[in-house]
Amino acid sequence: MQPAPSSICVFCGARFGSDPAAREVAQQLGDLLANKSIALVYGGGGVGLMGLVANAALKGGGRVVGVIPRFLLQREAGHPALSETVVVETMHERKLQMFERSDAFVVLPGGIGTLEELFEVLSWRTLGLHTKPIVIVDQGGYWQPLAALLRGVVESGFAERTHLDHVAFVNNINDVLPAIAAMPRSAGVEKRLDRV
């Protein structure tokens, strides 16, 4: 078992989604991080599930670091009361800052941006560029199509079976930290290349 992380990056939606339970899960995650004195690192938004996670962590006395591109601040999408706001110029810089400031990643329901953030850190993990845990909270079965897709990628021969070990799916917020602690920290099998 690994020690508890000092900071966790959360990827989630800038919208609330259609299932009201997603809001509750976001608030529970913020509560958990504050209660365990784990800093929240996230995209800096004051909207949607992002805003709910941040507000819950702040309300619980937690440290919250938002990383947001200048153009989103200009759209007034930023959170006004974070512990620290890091303003960057591009989305690429944002993801790199979030990665560098975090010990692990937790993914809640979200849209295209959430998927893009998840797949970047998952791709980096399969390439052996990091060994940070990635945990997906499958609230209400939202991420089941993704789990099936990842299995299909492996079964179709486009990824190693061990790559499925790089991400854990949990159904309950209380399972997030145990899943992070149990996740293997090895880089795994070197990526096989099909040379022509």
N, C-alpha and C. Protein backbone atom coordinates (compact mmCIF):
# COMPACT_ATOMS: atom_id res chain seq x y z
N MET A 1 0.85 -1.20 0.00
CA MET A 1 0.00 0.00 0.00
C MET A 1 0.88 1.25 0.00
N GLN A 2 0.48 2.22 -0.80
CA GLN A 2 1.23 3.46 -0.94
C GLN A 2 0.73 4.50 0.07
N PRO A 3 1.57 5.48 0.42
CA PRO A 3 1.10 6.55 1.31
C PRO A 3 0.04 7.40 0.61
N ALA A 4 -0.76 8.06 1.40
CA ALA A 4 -1.83 8.91 0.84
C ALA A 4 -1.20 10.05 0.05
N PRO A 5 -1.81 10.43 -1.06
CA PRO A 5 -1.27 11.54 -1.85
C PRO A 5 -1.44 12.86 -1.13
N SER A 6 -0.54 13.80 -1.39
CA SER A 6 -0.70 15.13 -0.80
C SER A 6 -1.55 16.03 -1.67
N SER A 7 -1.70 15.66 -2.96
CA SER A 7 -2.55 16.44 -3.87
C SER A 7 -3.16 15.51 -4.90
N ILE A 8 -4.38 15.81 -5.26
CA ILE A 8 -5.09 15.01 -6.27
C ILE A 8 -5.67 15.97 -7.30
N CYS A 9 -5.46 15.64 -8.56
CA CYS A 9 -6.05 16.39 -9.66
C CYS A 9 -7.40 15.77 -9.99
N VAL A 10 -8.41 16.60 -10.08
CA VAL A 10 -9.75 16.13 -10.41
C VAL A 10 -10.14 16.66 -11.78
N PHE A 11 -10.53 15.74 -12.65
CA PHE A 11 -11.09 16.09 -13.96
C PHE A 11 -12.60 15.85 -13.88
N CYS A 12 -13.38 16.85 -14.27
CA CYS A 12 -14.84 16.69 -14.26
C CYS A 12 -15.48 17.78 -15.09
N GLY A 13 -16.80 17.70 -15.21
CA GLY A 13 -17.53 18.56 -16.11
C GLY A 13 -17.66 20.01 -15.65
N ALA A 14 -17.70 20.90 -16.64
CA ALA A 14 -18.01 22.31 -16.40
C ALA A 14 -19.53 22.52 -16.45
N ARG A 15 -20.26 21.43 -16.57
CA ARG A 15 -21.72 21.43 -16.48
C ARG A 15 -22.12 20.48 -15.36
N PHE A 16 -23.40 20.53 -14.99
CA PHE A 16 -23.88 19.66 -13.92
C PHE A 16 -24.27 18.27 -14.44
N GLY A 17 -24.61 18.16 -15.71
CA GLY A 17 -25.11 16.89 -16.23
C GLY A 17 -26.58 16.70 -15.89
N SER A 18 -27.17 15.66 -16.44
CA SER A 18 -28.61 15.44 -16.28
C SER A 18 -28.97 14.62 -15.04
N ASP A 19 -27.99 13.96 -14.42
CA ASP A 19 -28.25 13.14 -13.23
C ASP A 19 -27.90 13.95 -11.98
N PRO A 20 -28.90 14.30 -11.18
CA PRO A 20 -28.62 15.10 -9.97
C PRO A 20 -27.62 14.44 -9.02
N ALA A 21 -27.50 13.12 -9.07
CA ALA A 21 -26.58 12.42 -8.18
C ALA A 21 -25.13 12.80 -8.47
N ALA A 22 -24.83 13.25 -9.69
CA ALA A 22 -23.46 13.66 -10.01
C ALA A 22 -23.04 14.85 -9.16
N ARG A 23 -23.97 15.73 -8.86
CA ARG A 23 -23.66 16.89 -8.01
C ARG A 23 -23.26 16.43 -6.61
N GLU A 24 -24.01 15.46 -6.10
CA GLU A 24 -23.72 14.95 -4.76
C GLU A 24 -22.34 14.30 -4.71
N VAL A 25 -22.00 13.54 -5.74
CA VAL A 25 -20.69 12.88 -5.80
C VAL A 25 -19.57 13.92 -5.83
N ALA A 26 -19.76 14.99 -6.60
CA ALA A 26 -18.75 16.06 -6.67
C ALA A 26 -18.54 16.69 -5.30
N GLN A 27 -19.63 16.96 -4.60
CA GLN A 27 -19.51 17.55 -3.27
C GLN A 27 -18.86 16.59 -2.29
N GLN A 28 -19.20 15.30 -2.38
CA GLN A 28 -18.58 14.30 -1.51
C GLN A 28 -17.08 14.21 -1.72
N LEU A 29 -16.65 14.32 -2.98
CA LEU A 29 -15.22 14.26 -3.25
C LEU A 29 -14.51 15.47 -2.67
N GLY A 30 -15.09 16.65 -2.83
CA GLY A 30 -14.50 17.84 -2.23
C GLY A 30 -14.40 17.73 -0.72
N ASP A 31 -15.47 17.21 -0.10
CA ASP A 31 -15.48 16.99 1.35
C ASP A 31 -14.36 16.04 1.76
N LEU A 32 -14.23 14.93 1.02
CA LEU A 32 -13.23 13.91 1.34
C LEU A 32 -11.82 14.50 1.28
N LEU A 33 -11.52 15.24 0.22
CA LEU A 33 -10.18 15.79 0.07
C LEU A 33 -9.86 16.75 1.21
N ALA A 34 -10.81 17.61 1.56
CA ALA A 34 -10.58 18.55 2.66
C ALA A 34 -10.39 17.81 3.97
N ASN A 35 -11.23 16.80 4.21
CA ASN A 35 -11.18 16.03 5.45
C ASN A 35 -9.86 15.30 5.62
N LYS A 36 -9.26 14.87 4.51
CA LYS A 36 -8.00 14.12 4.55
C LYS A 36 -6.78 15.02 4.34
N SER A 37 -7.01 16.34 4.28
CA SER A 37 -5.93 17.32 4.06
C SER A 37 -5.16 17.05 2.77
N ILE A 38 -5.90 16.68 1.74
CA ILE A 38 -5.32 16.46 0.41
C ILE A 38 -5.70 17.66 -0.46
N ALA A 39 -4.70 18.32 -1.02
CA ALA A 39 -4.98 19.49 -1.85
C ALA A 39 -5.70 19.07 -3.13
N LEU A 40 -6.68 19.86 -3.51
CA LEU A 40 -7.39 19.67 -4.78
C LEU A 40 -6.71 20.51 -5.84
N VAL A 41 -6.33 19.88 -6.93
CA VAL A 41 -5.83 20.58 -8.12
C VAL A 41 -6.86 20.33 -9.21
N TYR A 42 -7.30 21.39 -9.86
CA TYR A 42 -8.34 21.20 -10.88
C TYR A 42 -8.27 22.36 -11.87
N GLY A 43 -9.20 22.37 -12.81
CA GLY A 43 -9.16 23.33 -13.90
C GLY A 43 -9.53 24.75 -13.58
N GLY A 44 -9.80 25.08 -12.32
CA GLY A 44 -9.99 26.46 -11.91
C GLY A 44 -11.36 27.06 -12.15
N GLY A 45 -12.30 26.26 -12.63
CA GLY A 45 -13.62 26.78 -12.94
C GLY A 45 -14.51 26.94 -11.73
N GLY A 46 -15.42 27.90 -11.84
CA GLY A 46 -16.42 28.09 -10.80
C GLY A 46 -17.79 27.65 -11.27
N VAL A 47 -17.80 26.76 -12.26
CA VAL A 47 -19.06 26.33 -12.89
C VAL A 47 -19.16 24.81 -12.86
N GLY A 48 -20.38 24.30 -12.97
CA GLY A 48 -20.63 22.87 -13.08
C GLY A 48 -20.08 22.06 -11.93
N LEU A 49 -19.77 20.80 -12.23
CA LEU A 49 -19.23 19.91 -11.19
C LEU A 49 -17.89 20.42 -10.67
N MET A 50 -17.12 21.08 -11.56
CA MET A 50 -15.84 21.65 -11.14
C MET A 50 -16.04 22.61 -9.96
N GLY A 51 -16.99 23.49 -10.11
CA GLY A 51 -17.27 24.46 -9.06
C GLY A 51 -17.74 23.81 -7.77
N LEU A 52 -18.54 22.75 -7.91
CA LEU A 52 -19.06 22.06 -6.72
C LEU A 52 -17.93 21.37 -5.94
N VAL A 53 -17.02 20.71 -6.65
CA VAL A 53 -15.89 20.06 -5.97
C VAL A 53 -15.07 21.10 -5.23
N ALA A 54 -14.77 22.20 -5.91
CA ALA A 54 -13.94 23.25 -5.31
C ALA A 54 -14.64 23.87 -4.10
N ASN A 55 -15.91 24.18 -4.23
CA ASN A 55 -16.65 24.80 -3.12
C ASN A 55 -16.69 23.89 -1.90
N ALA A 56 -16.91 22.60 -2.12
CA ALA A 56 -16.97 21.66 -1.00
C ALA A 56 -15.61 21.56 -0.31
N ALA A 57 -14.53 21.52 -1.10
CA ALA A 57 -13.19 21.44 -0.51
C ALA A 57 -12.88 22.71 0.27
N LEU A 58 -13.22 23.86 -0.30
CA LEU A 58 -12.97 25.13 0.39
C LEU A 58 -13.79 25.23 1.67
N LYS A 59 -15.04 24.84 1.60
CA LYS A 59 -15.91 24.89 2.78
C LYS A 59 -15.36 24.02 3.91
N GLY A 60 -14.70 22.90 3.54
CA GLY A 60 -14.12 22.01 4.54
C GLY A 60 -12.75 22.44 5.01
N GLY A 61 -12.28 23.60 4.54
CA GLY A 61 -10.98 24.09 4.96
C GLY A 61 -9.82 23.55 4.15
N GLY A 62 -10.11 22.95 3.00
CA GLY A 62 -9.06 22.37 2.17
C GLY A 62 -8.36 23.39 1.30
N ARG A 63 -7.19 23.00 0.80
CA ARG A 63 -6.44 23.82 -0.14
C ARG A 63 -6.90 23.47 -1.55
N VAL A 64 -7.20 24.51 -2.34
CA VAL A 64 -7.69 24.30 -3.70
C VAL A 64 -6.87 25.15 -4.67
N VAL A 65 -6.24 24.46 -5.62
CA VAL A 65 -5.42 25.12 -6.63
C VAL A 65 -6.11 24.97 -7.99
N GLY A 66 -6.44 26.11 -8.59
CA GLY A 66 -7.06 26.09 -9.91
C GLY A 66 -6.08 26.53 -10.97
N VAL A 67 -6.06 25.79 -12.08
CA VAL A 67 -5.18 26.12 -13.20
C VAL A 67 -6.09 26.44 -14.38
N ILE A 68 -6.05 27.68 -14.84
CA ILE A 68 -7.03 28.10 -15.84
C ILE A 68 -6.38 28.97 -16.92
N PRO A 69 -6.73 28.74 -18.17
CA PRO A 69 -6.22 29.61 -19.23
C PRO A 69 -6.84 31.00 -19.16
N ARG A 70 -6.09 31.98 -19.58
CA ARG A 70 -6.54 33.37 -19.53
C ARG A 70 -7.87 33.58 -20.27
N PHE A 71 -8.05 32.91 -21.40
CA PHE A 71 -9.28 33.14 -22.17
C PHE A 71 -10.52 32.68 -21.42
N LEU A 72 -10.40 31.65 -20.57
CA LEU A 72 -11.55 31.24 -19.77
C LEU A 72 -11.81 32.22 -18.63
N LEU A 73 -10.75 32.79 -18.08
CA LEU A 73 -10.94 33.84 -17.07
C LEU A 73 -11.69 35.02 -17.66
N GLN A 74 -11.36 35.36 -18.90
CA GLN A 74 -12.01 36.49 -19.56
C GLN A 74 -13.48 36.21 -19.82
N ARG A 75 -13.85 34.94 -19.91
CA ARG A 75 -15.27 34.56 -20.06
C ARG A 75 -15.98 34.48 -18.71
N GLU A 76 -15.26 34.83 -17.66
CA GLU A 76 -15.78 34.80 -16.28
C GLU A 76 -16.19 33.40 -15.85
N ALA A 77 -15.41 32.41 -16.30
CA ALA A 77 -15.68 31.03 -15.93
C ALA A 77 -14.83 30.58 -14.74
N GLY A 78 -13.92 31.45 -14.29
CA GLY A 78 -13.04 31.07 -13.19
C GLY A 78 -13.70 31.17 -11.83
N HIS A 79 -13.14 30.45 -10.87
CA HIS A 79 -13.63 30.49 -9.48
C HIS A 79 -12.99 31.70 -8.80
N PRO A 80 -13.77 32.51 -8.10
CA PRO A 80 -13.23 33.75 -7.54
C PRO A 80 -12.51 33.62 -6.20
N ALA A 81 -12.56 32.45 -5.54
CA ALA A 81 -12.08 32.39 -4.16
C ALA A 81 -11.21 31.18 -3.85
N LEU A 82 -10.31 30.83 -4.75
CA LEU A 82 -9.46 29.65 -4.54
C LEU A 82 -8.27 29.98 -3.64
N SER A 83 -7.65 28.94 -3.11
CA SER A 83 -6.42 29.12 -2.34
C SER A 83 -5.31 29.67 -3.23
N GLU A 84 -5.27 29.18 -4.47
CA GLU A 84 -4.28 29.64 -5.44
C GLU A 84 -4.87 29.48 -6.84
N THR A 85 -4.73 30.51 -7.65
CA THR A 85 -5.14 30.44 -9.06
C THR A 85 -3.90 30.62 -9.92
N VAL A 86 -3.66 29.65 -10.80
CA VAL A 86 -2.54 29.69 -11.72
C VAL A 86 -3.11 30.01 -13.10
N VAL A 87 -2.74 31.14 -13.65
CA VAL A 87 -3.24 31.55 -14.97
C VAL A 87 -2.20 31.20 -16.02
N VAL A 88 -2.62 30.45 -17.03
CA VAL A 88 -1.74 30.02 -18.11
C VAL A 88 -2.30 30.54 -19.43
N GLU A 89 -1.51 30.39 -20.48
CA GLU A 89 -1.93 30.92 -21.78
C GLU A 89 -2.66 29.89 -22.64
N THR A 90 -2.33 28.61 -22.49
CA THR A 90 -2.92 27.60 -23.38
C THR A 90 -3.47 26.42 -22.59
N MET A 91 -4.30 25.64 -23.26
CA MET A 91 -4.84 24.43 -22.66
C MET A 91 -3.72 23.41 -22.41
N HIS A 92 -2.71 23.40 -23.28
CA HIS A 92 -1.59 22.48 -23.09
C HIS A 92 -0.84 22.80 -21.80
N GLU A 93 -0.60 24.10 -21.57
CA GLU A 93 0.08 24.51 -20.33
C GLU A 93 -0.77 24.14 -19.12
N ARG A 94 -2.07 24.30 -19.26
CA ARG A 94 -2.97 23.98 -18.15
C ARG A 94 -2.82 22.52 -17.74
N LYS A 95 -2.88 21.61 -18.71
CA LYS A 95 -2.79 20.19 -18.40
C LYS A 95 -1.43 19.83 -17.80
N LEU A 96 -0.36 20.44 -18.31
CA LEU A 96 0.97 20.16 -17.77
C LEU A 96 1.09 20.64 -16.32
N GLN A 97 0.59 21.82 -16.03
CA GLN A 97 0.62 22.35 -14.66
C GLN A 97 -0.19 21.45 -13.72
N MET A 98 -1.38 21.04 -14.17
CA MET A 98 -2.21 20.16 -13.35
C MET A 98 -1.50 18.84 -13.09
N PHE A 99 -0.85 18.31 -14.12
CA PHE A 99 -0.11 17.06 -13.98
C PHE A 99 1.02 17.21 -12.98
N GLU A 100 1.82 18.25 -13.14
CA GLU A 100 3.01 18.43 -12.31
C GLU A 100 2.67 18.70 -10.84
N ARG A 101 1.52 19.27 -10.58
CA ARG A 101 1.14 19.62 -9.21
C ARG A 101 0.38 18.51 -8.49
N SER A 102 0.21 17.35 -9.12
CA SER A 102 -0.64 16.30 -8.57
C SER A 102 0.09 14.99 -8.38
N ASP A 103 -0.36 14.23 -7.37
CA ASP A 103 0.18 12.90 -7.10
C ASP A 103 -0.69 11.80 -7.69
N ALA A 104 -1.93 12.13 -8.03
CA ALA A 104 -2.88 11.14 -8.56
C ALA A 104 -3.99 11.90 -9.28
N PHE A 105 -4.82 11.15 -10.00
CA PHE A 105 -5.92 11.75 -10.76
C PHE A 105 -7.22 11.03 -10.44
N VAL A 106 -8.28 11.83 -10.27
CA VAL A 106 -9.62 11.28 -10.06
C VAL A 106 -10.53 11.91 -11.10
N VAL A 107 -11.33 11.06 -11.74
CA VAL A 107 -12.20 11.52 -12.83
C VAL A 107 -13.65 11.31 -12.44
N LEU A 108 -14.42 12.39 -12.48
CA LEU A 108 -15.87 12.36 -12.27
C LEU A 108 -16.55 12.49 -13.63
N PRO A 109 -17.87 12.37 -13.69
CA PRO A 109 -18.54 12.58 -14.97
C PRO A 109 -18.19 13.93 -15.58
N GLY A 110 -18.10 13.94 -16.89
CA GLY A 110 -17.77 15.16 -17.61
C GLY A 110 -17.94 14.95 -19.10
N GLY A 111 -17.56 15.95 -19.86
CA GLY A 111 -17.75 15.91 -21.30
C GLY A 111 -16.46 15.71 -22.07
N ILE A 112 -16.37 16.34 -23.23
CA ILE A 112 -15.24 16.15 -24.13
C ILE A 112 -13.93 16.58 -23.47
N GLY A 113 -13.94 17.71 -22.77
CA GLY A 113 -12.72 18.18 -22.11
C GLY A 113 -12.24 17.20 -21.05
N THR A 114 -13.16 16.62 -20.30
CA THR A 114 -12.81 15.64 -19.27
C THR A 114 -12.20 14.40 -19.92
N LEU A 115 -12.82 13.95 -21.00
CA LEU A 115 -12.28 12.79 -21.73
C LEU A 115 -10.87 13.07 -22.23
N GLU A 116 -10.69 14.26 -22.78
CA GLU A 116 -9.38 14.62 -23.34
C GLU A 116 -8.31 14.65 -22.25
N GLU A 117 -8.64 15.20 -21.09
CA GLU A 117 -7.69 15.24 -19.97
C GLU A 117 -7.36 13.84 -19.50
N LEU A 118 -8.39 13.00 -19.34
CA LEU A 118 -8.18 11.62 -18.91
C LEU A 118 -7.29 10.88 -19.89
N PHE A 119 -7.60 10.96 -21.18
CA PHE A 119 -6.84 10.18 -22.15
C PHE A 119 -5.40 10.64 -22.26
N GLU A 120 -5.15 11.91 -22.02
CA GLU A 120 -3.75 12.36 -22.06
C GLU A 120 -2.94 11.73 -20.93
N VAL A 121 -3.44 11.79 -19.69
CA VAL A 121 -2.66 11.20 -18.59
C VAL A 121 -2.61 9.69 -18.69
N LEU A 122 -3.67 9.07 -19.23
CA LEU A 122 -3.65 7.62 -19.41
C LEU A 122 -2.65 7.23 -20.50
N SER A 123 -2.61 8.00 -21.58
CA SER A 123 -1.63 7.74 -22.64
C SER A 123 -0.21 7.88 -22.10
N TRP A 124 0.04 8.93 -21.34
CA TRP A 124 1.37 9.13 -20.76
C TRP A 124 1.74 7.96 -19.85
N ARG A 125 0.75 7.44 -19.13
CA ARG A 125 1.03 6.30 -18.24
C ARG A 125 1.38 5.05 -19.05
N THR A 126 0.64 4.80 -20.13
CA THR A 126 0.94 3.60 -20.93
C THR A 126 2.29 3.71 -21.61
N LEU A 127 2.75 4.93 -21.84
CA LEU A 127 4.07 5.14 -22.43
C LEU A 127 5.19 5.10 -21.39
N GLY A 128 4.83 4.95 -20.11
CA GLY A 128 5.84 4.88 -19.06
C GLY A 128 6.37 6.23 -18.64
N LEU A 129 5.66 7.32 -18.97
CA LEU A 129 6.12 8.66 -18.61
C LEU A 129 5.80 9.02 -17.16
N HIS A 130 4.89 8.29 -16.55
CA HIS A 130 4.59 8.49 -15.13
C HIS A 130 3.93 7.23 -14.59
N THR A 131 3.84 7.14 -13.27
CA THR A 131 3.18 6.01 -12.62
C THR A 131 2.12 6.49 -11.62
N LYS A 132 1.60 7.68 -11.85
CA LYS A 132 0.59 8.24 -10.94
C LYS A 132 -0.74 7.50 -11.12
N PRO A 133 -1.43 7.20 -10.02
CA PRO A 133 -2.71 6.50 -10.11
C PRO A 133 -3.78 7.33 -10.82
N ILE A 134 -4.67 6.62 -11.52
CA ILE A 134 -5.81 7.23 -12.19
C ILE A 134 -7.04 6.45 -11.75
N VAL A 135 -7.99 7.15 -11.11
CA VAL A 135 -9.21 6.51 -10.62
C VAL A 135 -10.42 7.21 -11.21
N ILE A 136 -11.32 6.43 -11.77
CA ILE A 136 -12.55 6.95 -12.37
C ILE A 136 -13.72 6.59 -11.47
N VAL A 137 -14.47 7.61 -11.05
CA VAL A 137 -15.65 7.38 -10.22
C VAL A 137 -16.83 7.17 -11.16
N ASP A 138 -17.29 5.94 -11.21
CA ASP A 138 -18.33 5.55 -12.16
C ASP A 138 -19.71 5.78 -11.56
N GLN A 139 -20.02 7.04 -11.33
CA GLN A 139 -21.28 7.41 -10.70
C GLN A 139 -22.45 7.04 -11.62
N GLY A 140 -23.34 6.17 -11.12
CA GLY A 140 -24.53 5.79 -11.86
C GLY A 140 -24.27 5.05 -13.16
N GLY A 141 -23.07 4.48 -13.31
CA GLY A 141 -22.74 3.75 -14.53
C GLY A 141 -22.35 4.64 -15.70
N TYR A 142 -22.10 5.93 -15.41
CA TYR A 142 -21.78 6.88 -16.48
C TYR A 142 -20.59 6.44 -17.32
N TRP A 143 -19.56 5.86 -16.68
CA TRP A 143 -18.33 5.51 -17.38
C TRP A 143 -18.31 4.08 -17.89
N GLN A 144 -19.41 3.32 -17.79
CA GLN A 144 -19.40 1.94 -18.28
C GLN A 144 -19.10 1.83 -19.78
N PRO A 145 -19.63 2.73 -20.62
CA PRO A 145 -19.24 2.65 -22.05
C PRO A 145 -17.74 2.84 -22.25
N LEU A 146 -17.12 3.69 -21.43
CA LEU A 146 -15.67 3.89 -21.53
C LEU A 146 -14.93 2.63 -21.10
N ALA A 147 -15.37 2.00 -20.02
CA ALA A 147 -14.73 0.76 -19.56
C ALA A 147 -14.82 -0.31 -20.64
N ALA A 148 -15.98 -0.40 -21.30
CA ALA A 148 -16.15 -1.37 -22.38
C ALA A 148 -15.24 -1.03 -23.57
N LEU A 149 -15.12 0.25 -23.87
CA LEU A 149 -14.25 0.68 -24.97
C LEU A 149 -12.79 0.30 -24.69
N LEU A 150 -12.32 0.56 -23.47
CA LEU A 150 -10.94 0.23 -23.12
C LEU A 150 -10.70 -1.27 -23.22
N ARG A 151 -11.66 -2.07 -22.75
CA ARG A 151 -11.52 -3.52 -22.88
C ARG A 151 -11.47 -3.93 -24.35
N GLY A 152 -12.31 -3.28 -25.16
CA GLY A 152 -12.34 -3.59 -26.59
C GLY A 152 -11.04 -3.23 -27.28
N VAL A 153 -10.41 -2.13 -26.87
CA VAL A 153 -9.12 -1.74 -27.44
C VAL A 153 -8.08 -2.83 -27.17
N VAL A 154 -8.09 -3.37 -25.94
CA VAL A 154 -7.15 -4.44 -25.59
C VAL A 154 -7.49 -5.72 -26.36
N GLU A 155 -8.77 -6.09 -26.35
CA GLU A 155 -9.18 -7.33 -27.02
C GLU A 155 -8.93 -7.29 -28.52
N SER A 156 -8.92 -6.09 -29.09
CA SER A 156 -8.67 -5.94 -30.52
C SER A 156 -7.18 -5.85 -30.85
N GLY A 157 -6.34 -5.93 -29.84
CA GLY A 157 -4.91 -5.97 -30.07
C GLY A 157 -4.23 -4.62 -30.22
N PHE A 158 -4.90 -3.54 -29.79
CA PHE A 158 -4.31 -2.21 -29.92
C PHE A 158 -3.71 -1.68 -28.62
N ALA A 159 -3.74 -2.47 -27.57
CA ALA A 159 -3.11 -2.10 -26.30
C ALA A 159 -2.80 -3.38 -25.54
N GLU A 160 -1.85 -3.28 -24.63
CA GLU A 160 -1.48 -4.43 -23.80
C GLU A 160 -2.54 -4.65 -22.73
N ARG A 161 -2.71 -5.88 -22.31
CA ARG A 161 -3.65 -6.20 -21.22
C ARG A 161 -3.29 -5.43 -19.95
N THR A 162 -1.99 -5.23 -19.71
CA THR A 162 -1.55 -4.54 -18.50
C THR A 162 -1.99 -3.08 -18.48
N HIS A 163 -2.30 -2.52 -19.64
CA HIS A 163 -2.73 -1.12 -19.68
C HIS A 163 -4.06 -0.92 -18.95
N LEU A 164 -4.85 -1.97 -18.84
CA LEU A 164 -6.11 -1.86 -18.08
C LEU A 164 -5.84 -1.67 -16.59
N ASP A 165 -4.64 -2.05 -16.14
CA ASP A 165 -4.29 -1.88 -14.73
C ASP A 165 -3.92 -0.43 -14.41
N HIS A 166 -3.78 0.40 -15.42
CA HIS A 166 -3.37 1.79 -15.21
C HIS A 166 -4.52 2.69 -14.81
N VAL A 167 -5.72 2.17 -14.83
CA VAL A 167 -6.89 2.96 -14.43
C VAL A 167 -7.82 2.07 -13.62
N ALA A 168 -8.35 2.61 -12.53
CA ALA A 168 -9.28 1.86 -11.68
C ALA A 168 -10.65 2.53 -11.73
N PHE A 169 -11.68 1.73 -11.83
CA PHE A 169 -13.06 2.22 -11.79
C PHE A 169 -13.64 1.89 -10.41
N VAL A 170 -14.21 2.89 -9.75
CA VAL A 170 -14.88 2.67 -8.47
C VAL A 170 -16.29 3.26 -8.54
N ASN A 171 -17.17 2.77 -7.69
CA ASN A 171 -18.56 3.23 -7.70
C ASN A 171 -18.88 4.19 -6.57
N ASN A 172 -17.96 4.29 -5.61
CA ASN A 172 -18.25 5.03 -4.39
C ASN A 172 -17.06 5.93 -4.04
N ILE A 173 -17.36 7.13 -3.59
CA ILE A 173 -16.28 8.07 -3.21
C ILE A 173 -15.39 7.47 -2.13
N ASN A 174 -15.96 6.69 -1.23
CA ASN A 174 -15.15 6.10 -0.16
C ASN A 174 -14.12 5.10 -0.67
N ASP A 175 -14.27 4.66 -1.93
CA ASP A 175 -13.32 3.71 -2.50
C ASP A 175 -12.18 4.40 -3.25
N VAL A 176 -12.23 5.72 -3.37
CA VAL A 176 -11.23 6.45 -4.17
C VAL A 176 -9.84 6.31 -3.57
N LEU A 177 -9.68 6.66 -2.29
CA LEU A 177 -8.34 6.63 -1.69
C LEU A 177 -7.79 5.21 -1.57
N PRO A 178 -8.61 4.20 -1.18
CA PRO A 178 -8.09 2.83 -1.20
C PRO A 178 -7.64 2.38 -2.60
N ALA A 179 -8.38 2.79 -3.63
CA ALA A 179 -7.99 2.42 -5.01
C ALA A 179 -6.67 3.07 -5.39
N ILE A 180 -6.49 4.33 -4.98
CA ILE A 180 -5.22 5.01 -5.25
C ILE A 180 -4.07 4.30 -4.53
N ALA A 181 -4.29 3.93 -3.28
CA ALA A 181 -3.25 3.26 -2.49
C ALA A 181 -2.88 1.90 -3.06
N ALA A 182 -3.87 1.21 -3.63
CA ALA A 182 -3.64 -0.15 -4.13
C ALA A 182 -3.09 -0.20 -5.55
N MET A 183 -3.13 0.92 -6.27
CA MET A 183 -2.74 0.91 -7.68
C MET A 183 -1.24 0.66 -7.83
N PRO A 184 -0.86 -0.25 -8.74
CA PRO A 184 0.56 -0.53 -8.94
C PRO A 184 1.30 0.71 -9.43
N ARG A 185 2.52 0.91 -8.91
CA ARG A 185 3.31 2.09 -9.28
C ARG A 185 4.38 1.75 -10.31
N SER A 186 4.43 0.50 -10.76
CA SER A 186 5.42 0.16 -11.77
C SER A 186 4.98 0.69 -13.13
N ALA A 187 5.95 0.87 -14.02
CA ALA A 187 5.64 1.36 -15.36
C ALA A 187 4.96 0.30 -16.19
N GLY A 188 5.02 -0.95 -15.78
CA GLY A 188 4.36 -2.02 -16.52
C GLY A 188 5.22 -2.52 -17.66
N VAL A 189 4.61 -3.32 -18.50
CA VAL A 189 5.30 -3.92 -19.64
C VAL A 189 5.62 -2.84 -20.67
N GLU A 190 6.84 -2.91 -21.22
CA GLU A 190 7.20 -1.94 -22.25
C GLU A 190 6.26 -2.09 -23.43
N LYS A 191 5.86 -0.96 -23.99
CA LYS A 191 4.92 -0.95 -25.09
C LYS A 191 5.47 -1.73 -26.28
N ARG A 192 4.68 -2.69 -26.76
CA ARG A 192 5.07 -3.49 -27.93
C ARG A 192 4.72 -2.73 -29.20
N LEU A 193 5.63 -2.72 -30.14
CA LEU A 193 5.40 -2.05 -31.42
C LEU A 193 5.31 -3.10 -32.52
N ASP A 194 4.33 -2.97 -33.37
CA ASP A 194 4.18 -3.88 -34.50
C ASP A 194 4.91 -3.30 -35.70
N ARG A 195 6.14 -3.72 -35.86
CA ARG A 195 6.95 -3.16 -36.95
C ARG A 195 6.56 -3.80 -38.29
N VAL A 196 6.60 -3.00 -39.34
CA VAL A 196 6.26 -3.50 -40.67
C VAL A 196 7.52 -3.71 -41.49
